[in-house]
Protein backbone atom coordinates (compact mmCIF):
# COMPACT_ATOMS: atom_id res chain seq x y z
CA UNK A 1 -0.10 0.24 0.29
CA UNK A 2 1.49 3.39 -0.82
CA UNK A 3 2.86 5.38 1.79
CA UNK A 4 0.44 8.18 1.41
CA UNK A 5 -2.59 6.19 1.66
CA UNK A 6 -1.33 4.80 4.76
CA UNK A 7 -0.45 8.23 6.01
CA UNK A 8 -4.44 8.65 6.29
CA UNK A 9 -4.41 6.56 9.17
CA UNK A 10 -3.57 9.49 11.22
CA UNK A 11 -6.89 11.29 10.42
CA UNK A 12 -9.03 9.39 12.87
CA UNK A 13 -6.79 10.04 15.91
CA UNK A 14 -6.18 13.69 14.97
CA UNK A 15 -9.97 14.20 14.74
CA UNK A 16 -10.22 12.57 18.27
CA UNK A 17 -7.52 15.08 19.58
CA UNK A 18 -9.47 18.10 18.34
CA UNK A 19 -12.38 16.82 20.11
CA UNK A 20 -10.56 16.44 23.56
CA UNK A 21 -9.10 20.04 22.79
CA UNK A 22 -12.64 21.25 22.36
CA UNK A 23 -13.65 19.95 25.68
CA UNK A 24 -10.75 21.30 27.33
CA UNK A 25 -11.20 24.83 25.72
CA UNK A 26 -11.89 26.82 28.97
CA UNK A 27 -8.44 26.23 30.55
CA UNK A 28 -6.33 24.72 27.89
CA UNK A 29 -3.10 22.88 28.31
CA UNK A 30 0.04 24.15 26.80
CA UNK A 31 0.17 23.21 23.15
CA UNK A 32 3.67 21.68 23.19
CA UNK A 33 2.93 19.57 26.73
CA UNK A 34 -0.24 17.74 24.79
CA UNK A 35 1.96 17.47 21.48
CA UNK A 36 4.98 16.10 23.53
CA UNK A 37 2.85 13.45 25.31
CA UNK A 38 1.04 12.63 21.77
CA UNK A 39 4.68 11.99 20.09
CA UNK A 40 5.93 9.65 23.18
CA UNK A 41 2.71 7.98 23.09
CA UNK A 42 3.35 7.34 19.18
CA UNK A 43 7.00 6.28 20.08
CA UNK A 44 5.67 3.89 22.37
CA UNK A 45 4.87 1.82 19.66
CA UNK A 46 8.32 0.25 18.70
CA UNK A 47 9.10 -1.02 21.70
CA UNK A 48 5.71 -2.77 22.46
CA UNK A 49 5.84 -4.19 18.67
CA UNK A 50 9.43 -5.32 19.57
CA UNK A 51 8.15 -6.99 22.60
CA UNK A 52 5.19 -8.26 21.15
CA UNK A 53 7.13 -10.17 18.30
CA UNK A 54 9.03 -11.67 21.23
CA UNK A 55 6.23 -12.82 23.29
CA UNK A 56 4.96 -14.62 19.88
CA UNK A 57 8.08 -16.84 19.69
CA UNK A 58 8.14 -17.89 23.16
CA UNK A 59 4.50 -18.57 24.33
CA UNK A 60 4.07 -22.02 24.32
CA UNK A 61 0.43 -22.42 24.01
CA UNK A 62 -2.34 -21.80 21.18
CA UNK A 63 -5.85 -21.44 20.44
CA UNK A 64 -8.13 -19.66 22.75
CA UNK A 65 -5.44 -19.39 25.74
CA UNK A 66 -3.07 -17.96 23.39
CA UNK A 67 -5.90 -15.70 22.26
CA UNK A 68 -6.68 -14.60 25.75
CA UNK A 69 -2.54 -14.27 26.39
CA UNK A 70 -2.10 -12.05 23.16
CA UNK A 71 -5.30 -10.00 23.99
CA UNK A 72 -4.57 -9.35 27.97
CA UNK A 73 -0.81 -9.36 27.98
CA UNK A 74 0.90 -9.05 24.64
CA UNK A 75 -1.40 -5.98 23.57
CA UNK A 76 -3.36 -4.57 26.33
CA UNK A 77 -0.77 -4.78 29.18
CA UNK A 78 2.29 -3.86 27.56
CA UNK A 79 0.50 -0.85 25.59
CA UNK A 80 -1.26 0.59 28.26
CA UNK A 81 1.68 0.03 30.42
CA UNK A 82 3.93 2.20 28.00
CA UNK A 83 1.28 4.99 27.89
CA UNK A 84 1.20 4.80 31.76
CA UNK A 85 5.09 5.32 31.58
CA UNK A 86 4.71 8.36 29.41
CA UNK A 87 1.93 10.03 31.75
CA UNK A 88 4.29 9.14 35.06
CA UNK A 89 7.42 10.48 33.35
CA UNK A 90 6.17 13.56 31.75
CA UNK A 91 2.63 14.55 32.74
CA UNK A 92 2.53 13.74 36.60
CA UNK A 93 4.90 16.33 38.07
CA UNK A 94 4.33 19.05 35.27
CA UNK A 95 2.98 22.12 36.72
CA UNK A 96 0.39 22.15 33.72
CA UNK A 97 -1.09 19.61 35.15
CA UNK A 98 -3.10 21.29 37.95
CA UNK A 99 -6.88 20.10 37.10
CA UNK A 100 -9.35 17.12 37.07
CA UNK A 101 -9.58 17.16 33.68
CA UNK A 102 -6.04 17.25 32.71
CA UNK A 103 -5.96 13.42 33.40
CA UNK A 104 -8.60 13.07 30.81
CA UNK A 105 -6.79 15.16 28.68
CA UNK A 106 -3.11 13.90 28.93
CA UNK A 107 -4.55 10.32 29.00
CA UNK A 108 -6.60 10.61 25.74
CA UNK A 109 -3.69 12.21 24.16
CA UNK A 110 -1.24 9.44 24.83
CA UNK A 111 -3.71 6.68 23.80
CA UNK A 112 -4.21 8.66 20.56
CA UNK A 113 -0.48 9.25 19.78
CA UNK A 114 -0.07 5.45 19.97
CA UNK A 115 -3.25 4.77 18.12
CA UNK A 116 -1.94 7.42 15.27
CA UNK A 117 1.10 5.35 14.73
CA UNK A 118 -0.48 1.97 14.95
CA UNK A 119 -3.30 2.50 12.98
CA UNK A 120 -0.55 3.69 9.89
CA UNK A 121 1.12 0.51 10.47
CA UNK A 122 -1.76 -1.65 10.29
CA UNK A 123 -2.85 0.51 6.94
CA UNK A 124 0.49 0.29 5.24
CA UNK A 125 0.10 -3.79 5.52
CA UNK A 126 -3.13 -3.58 3.47
CA UNK A 127 -2.74 -5.47 0.39
CA UNK A 128 -5.94 -4.48 -1.70
CA UNK A 129 -7.84 -1.26 -1.87
CA UNK A 130 -10.91 -3.54 -0.28
CA UNK A 131 -8.78 -4.51 2.61
CA UNK A 132 -7.34 -1.19 3.59
CA UNK A 133 -10.92 0.65 2.78
CA UNK A 134 -12.29 -1.97 5.55
CA UNK A 135 -9.50 -1.55 7.71
CA UNK A 136 -9.75 2.17 7.68
CA UNK A 137 -13.37 2.13 8.45
CA UNK A 138 -12.94 -0.59 11.50
CA UNK A 139 -10.25 1.00 13.07
CA UNK A 140 -11.50 4.49 12.93
CA UNK A 141 -14.75 3.97 14.45
CA UNK A 142 -13.44 1.06 17.03
CA UNK A 143 -9.71 0.41 17.56
CA UNK A 144 -8.69 4.32 17.74
CA UNK A 145 -11.46 5.34 20.00
CA UNK A 146 -10.49 2.25 22.06
CA UNK A 147 -7.08 3.36 22.92
CA UNK A 148 -8.37 6.72 23.69
CA UNK A 149 -11.33 5.66 26.02
CA UNK A 150 -8.76 3.10 27.83
CA UNK A 151 -6.09 5.48 28.60
CA UNK A 152 -8.69 8.23 28.92
CA UNK A 153 -9.90 6.30 31.98
CA UNK A 154 -6.29 5.61 33.38
CA UNK A 155 -5.92 9.35 33.23
CA UNK A 156 -9.08 10.13 34.93
CA UNK A 157 -8.71 7.84 37.44
CA UNK A 158 -5.26 9.16 38.44
CA UNK A 159 -6.34 12.78 38.62
CA UNK A 160 -9.44 11.66 40.44
CA UNK A 161 -7.06 10.14 43.23
CA UNK A 162 -4.68 13.18 42.81
CA UNK A 163 -6.62 15.91 43.49
CA UNK A 164 -10.10 14.46 45.60
CA UNK A 165 -8.27 11.29 47.24
CA UNK A 166 -10.98 9.35 45.29
CA UNK A 167 -10.49 6.12 43.47
CA UNK A 168 -7.70 3.80 42.58
CA UNK A 169 -4.92 6.30 41.39
CA UNK A 170 -2.72 5.83 38.54
CA UNK A 171 -1.87 2.26 39.02
CA UNK A 172 -5.66 1.21 39.33
CA UNK A 173 -6.26 3.40 36.13
CA UNK A 174 -3.51 1.19 34.48
CA UNK A 175 -5.60 -2.02 35.44
CA UNK A 176 -9.25 -0.38 34.14
CA UNK A 177 -7.24 0.23 31.01
CA UNK A 178 -5.86 -3.32 30.57
CA UNK A 179 -9.33 -4.48 31.27
CA UNK A 180 -10.98 -2.40 28.76
CA UNK A 181 -8.06 -2.46 26.31
CA UNK A 182 -7.83 -6.64 26.68
CA UNK A 183 -11.36 -7.35 26.52
CA UNK A 184 -11.59 -5.30 23.08
CA UNK A 185 -8.53 -7.43 21.71
CA UNK A 186 -9.01 -10.73 23.28
CA UNK A 187 -12.78 -10.93 22.20
CA UNK A 188 -11.61 -10.66 18.54
CA UNK A 189 -8.69 -12.98 18.91
CA UNK A 190 -10.61 -15.59 20.37
CA UNK A 191 -13.34 -15.21 17.88
CA UNK A 192 -10.83 -16.18 15.25
CA UNK A 193 -9.25 -18.97 17.07
CA UNK A 194 -9.85 -22.26 15.45
CA UNK A 195 -12.64 -24.51 16.76
CA UNK A 196 -14.78 -21.66 18.59
CA UNK A 197 -18.21 -22.11 17.37
CA UNK A 198 -20.35 -19.74 15.00
CA UNK A 199 -22.56 -18.58 17.55
CA UNK A 200 -19.72 -17.76 20.21
CA UNK A 201 -17.94 -15.83 17.52
CA UNK A 202 -21.31 -13.87 16.73
CA UNK A 203 -21.41 -12.62 20.16
CA UNK A 204 -17.79 -11.92 20.69
CA UNK A 205 -17.99 -9.60 17.62
CA UNK A 206 -20.43 -7.51 19.14
CA UNK A 207 -18.46 -6.79 22.41
CA UNK A 208 -16.04 -4.26 20.71
CA UNK A 209 -19.03 -1.74 19.32
CA UNK A 210 -20.71 -2.39 22.75
CA UNK A 211 -17.20 -1.59 24.63
CA UNK A 212 -16.72 1.52 22.47
CA UNK A 213 -20.07 3.06 22.58
CA UNK A 214 -20.32 2.26 26.57
CA UNK A 215 -17.06 3.29 27.20
CA UNK A 216 -17.21 6.77 25.37
CA UNK A 217 -20.39 7.34 27.12
CA UNK A 218 -19.01 6.82 30.88
CA UNK A 219 -15.65 8.35 29.94
CA UNK A 220 -17.71 11.56 28.38
CA UNK A 221 -19.59 11.50 31.77
CA UNK A 222 -16.60 11.47 33.92
CA UNK A 223 -15.21 14.16 32.10
CA UNK A 224 -17.92 16.56 32.44
CA UNK A 225 -17.87 15.78 36.29
CA UNK A 226 -14.31 16.69 36.27
CA UNK A 227 -14.72 19.65 34.41
CA UNK A 228 -17.77 20.83 36.67
CA UNK A 229 -15.41 20.34 39.75
CA UNK A 230 -12.52 22.35 38.12
CA UNK A 231 -14.85 25.24 36.97
CA UNK A 232 -16.31 25.42 40.96
CA UNK A 233 -12.76 25.66 41.98
CA UNK A 234 -11.91 28.41 39.48
CA UNK A 235 -14.89 30.62 40.75
CA UNK A 236 -13.82 30.05 44.17
CA UNK A 237 -9.85 30.35 44.14
CA UNK A 238 -9.72 29.63 47.79
CA UNK A 239 -10.61 26.03 47.36
CA UNK A 240 -7.79 25.55 44.61
CA UNK A 241 -5.52 27.45 47.25
CA UNK A 242 -6.64 25.20 50.01
CA UNK A 243 -5.85 22.06 47.82
CA UNK A 244 -2.48 23.39 46.67
CA UNK A 245 -1.39 23.96 50.49
CA UNK A 246 -2.52 20.38 50.92
CA UNK A 247 0.17 19.28 48.39
CA UNK A 248 -2.65 17.45 45.89
CA UNK A 249 -1.15 19.56 43.08
CA UNK A 250 2.58 18.54 43.21
CA UNK A 251 2.04 14.79 44.44
């Protein structure tokens, strides 16, 4: 597939980044900071790819067990851990990370940076125009949003714990992201495994769209709640000052 066609795989991730920027329009994050997080999320594809190739050569089992391993460990655990490392190393101590909604913004940005590169690579491997179009549509509506949703919850849960002392924090957010991402991938891998009954395959193929739609709805509610709490503090500066004195912002 020509490189210029594969590069169109960046469009779904860029479109979702724009939507997130609009959601954060009241008090936007520094442009270079969000771009850096997206870039680092994209660069994380390479070490994940190399580790996944190595794991594929050493895993001794096949069939459904292998499909579950590839979905939850090789794909979800490695990729979400890489995104979490980006958040921890380049966002957690940054002074711009000073609101609850910022967790959502930076989490989705890391996920979409990863999805952008992964999508280009997947489309580059297409061997026909029909295959390219099918891959483009399916990944644009499901795989790319799934990356954003999983990492978005990770960032949101980290921010909730940081600013409100609620929720499982970044470590718990990684587990939630792995569960979302792993369920998405494993359902597809198991459906394609040999010997799986057609009825089971049909049910499993419904999991990704349900997961993406439900995850989008719930993550949007979390983002709106975070924005409302941030707005309340913005209108009452004393609350933010008290939170800063308590050490929440710099933790």
